């Protein structure tokens, strides 16, 4: 169960980082950045929605794993 906790925690951290990067890209729109670094708003918005789902999914996995671990400990105690 430890690996499931680590995997979901790492998944949350990675998705959060990708979400933040996408948000920074949107925040940079309209600045004086060169046109090559401009952000495609629709692609970035879709990426943010995907990362939101990834965070929710990994959170649900983490919660489920912790609940299962708690039940096992209750049985053993």
C-alpha atoms as a PDB file:
ATOM      1  CA  UNK A   1       0.000   0.000   0.000  1.00  0.00           C
ATOM      2  CA  UNK A   2       2.946   2.288   0.530  1.00  0.00           C
ATOM      3  CA  UNK A   3       3.683   2.277  -3.202  1.00  0.00           C
ATOM      4  CA  UNK A   4       0.084   3.327  -3.973  1.00  0.00           C
ATOM      5  CA  UNK A   5       0.417   6.219  -1.533  1.00  0.00           C
ATOM      6  CA  UNK A   6       3.736   7.274  -3.037  1.00  0.00           C
ATOM      7  CA  UNK A   7       2.454   6.929  -6.607  1.00  0.00           C
ATOM      8  CA  UNK A   8      -0.679   8.975  -5.993  1.00  0.00           C
ATOM      9  CA  UNK A   9       1.245  11.614  -4.033  1.00  0.00           C
ATOM     10  CA  UNK A  10       3.787  11.890  -6.838  1.00  0.00           C
ATOM     11  CA  UNK A  11       0.944  12.068  -9.352  1.00  0.00           C
ATOM     12  CA  UNK A  12      -0.654  14.931  -7.447  1.00  0.00           C
ATOM     13  CA  UNK A  13       2.658  16.789  -7.280  1.00  0.00           C
ATOM     14  CA  UNK A  14       3.349  16.307 -11.001  1.00  0.00           C
ATOM     15  CA  UNK A  15      -0.159  17.333 -12.052  1.00  0.00           C
ATOM     16  CA  UNK A  16       0.012  20.375  -9.799  1.00  0.00           C
ATOM     17  CA  UNK A  17       3.291  21.409 -11.413  1.00  0.00           C
ATOM     18  CA  UNK A  18       1.896  20.974 -14.931  1.00  0.00           C
ATOM     19  CA  UNK A  19      -1.237  22.929 -13.947  1.00  0.00           C
ATOM     20  CA  UNK A  20       0.912  25.754 -12.566  1.00  0.00           C
ATOM     21  CA  UNK A  21       3.004  25.840 -15.744  1.00  0.00           C
ATOM     22  CA  UNK A  22      -0.116  26.080 -17.869  1.00  0.00           C
ATOM     23  CA  UNK A  23      -1.495  28.834 -15.636  1.00  0.00           C
ATOM     24  CA  UNK A  24       1.766  30.755 -15.955  1.00  0.00           C
ATOM     25  CA  UNK A  25       1.496  30.459 -19.732  1.00  0.00           C
ATOM     26  CA  UNK A  26      -1.987  31.938 -19.671  1.00  0.00           C
ATOM     27  CA  UNK A  27      -0.864  34.695 -17.310  1.00  0.00           C
ATOM     28  CA  UNK A  28       1.952  35.575 -19.706  1.00  0.00           C
ATOM     29  CA  UNK A  29      -0.465  36.126 -22.605  1.00  0.00           C
ATOM     30  CA  UNK A  30      -0.576  39.683 -23.720  1.00  0.00           C
ATOM     31  CA  UNK A  31       2.861  40.496 -22.399  1.00  0.00           C
ATOM     32  CA  UNK A  32       5.747  41.580 -24.552  1.00  0.00           C
ATOM     33  CA  UNK A  33       6.988  38.016 -25.070  1.00  0.00           C
ATOM     34  CA  UNK A  34       8.193  37.152 -28.560  1.00  0.00           C
ATOM     35  CA  UNK A  35       5.516  35.562 -30.739  1.00  0.00           C
ATOM     36  CA  UNK A  36       7.320  32.189 -30.710  1.00  0.00           C
ATOM     37  CA  UNK A  37       6.649  31.847 -26.991  1.00  0.00           C
ATOM     38  CA  UNK A  38       3.000  32.889 -27.118  1.00  0.00           C
ATOM     39  CA  UNK A  39       0.562  30.370 -25.688  1.00  0.00           C
ATOM     40  CA  UNK A  40      -2.307  28.681 -27.514  1.00  0.00           C
ATOM     41  CA  UNK A  41      -5.176  29.470 -25.162  1.00  0.00           C
ATOM     42  CA  UNK A  42      -7.416  26.553 -26.126  1.00  0.00           C
ATOM     43  CA  UNK A  43      -4.638  23.966 -25.805  1.00  0.00           C
ATOM     44  CA  UNK A  44      -3.538  25.415 -22.482  1.00  0.00           C
ATOM     45  CA  UNK A  45      -7.101  25.495 -21.155  1.00  0.00           C
ATOM     46  CA  UNK A  46      -7.573  21.836 -22.116  1.00  0.00           C
ATOM     47  CA  UNK A  47      -4.284  20.981 -20.402  1.00  0.00           C
ATOM     48  CA  UNK A  48      -5.441  22.734 -17.226  1.00  0.00           C
ATOM     49  CA  UNK A  49      -8.724  20.779 -17.272  1.00  0.00           C
ATOM     50  CA  UNK A  50      -6.808  17.519 -17.753  1.00  0.00           C
ATOM     51  CA  UNK A  51      -4.523  18.302 -14.836  1.00  0.00           C
ATOM     52  CA  UNK A  52      -7.527  19.167 -12.663  1.00  0.00           C
ATOM     53  CA  UNK A  53      -8.949  15.723 -13.445  1.00  0.00           C
ATOM     54  CA  UNK A  54      -5.550  14.111 -12.781  1.00  0.00           C
ATOM     55  CA  UNK A  55      -5.337  15.814  -9.383  1.00  0.00           C
ATOM     56  CA  UNK A  56      -8.857  14.678  -8.504  1.00  0.00           C
ATOM     57  CA  UNK A  57      -8.186  11.116  -9.640  1.00  0.00           C
ATOM     58  CA  UNK A  58      -4.930  10.850  -7.705  1.00  0.00           C
ATOM     59  CA  UNK A  59      -6.592  12.360  -4.644  1.00  0.00           C
ATOM     60  CA  UNK A  60      -9.354   9.744  -4.839  1.00  0.00           C
ATOM     61  CA  UNK A  61      -6.755   6.963  -5.152  1.00  0.00           C
ATOM     62  CA  UNK A  62      -4.846   8.328  -2.182  1.00  0.00           C
ATOM     63  CA  UNK A  63      -8.021   8.560  -0.084  1.00  0.00           C
ATOM     64  CA  UNK A  64      -9.078   5.042  -1.050  1.00  0.00           C
ATOM     65  CA  UNK A  65      -5.640   3.648  -0.226  1.00  0.00           C
ATOM     66  CA  UNK A  66      -5.560   5.365   3.157  1.00  0.00           C
ATOM     67  CA  UNK A  67      -9.090   4.124   3.941  1.00  0.00           C
ATOM     68  CA  UNK A  68      -8.092   0.562   3.009  1.00  0.00           C
ATOM     69  CA  UNK A  69      -4.966   0.805   5.119  1.00  0.00           C
ATOM     70  CA  UNK A  70      -7.005   2.077   8.062  1.00  0.00           C
ATOM     71  CA  UNK A  71      -9.429  -0.855   7.715  1.00  0.00           C
ATOM     72  CA  UNK A  72      -6.572  -3.355   7.679  1.00  0.00           C
ATOM     73  CA  UNK A  73      -5.117  -1.788  10.815  1.00  0.00           C
ATOM     74  CA  UNK A  74      -8.549  -1.893  12.494  1.00  0.00           C
ATOM     75  CA  UNK A  75      -8.794  -5.624  11.700  1.00  0.00           C
ATOM     76  CA  UNK A  76      -5.311  -6.303  13.043  1.00  0.00           C
ATOM     77  CA  UNK A  77      -5.835  -4.293  16.239  1.00  0.00           C
END
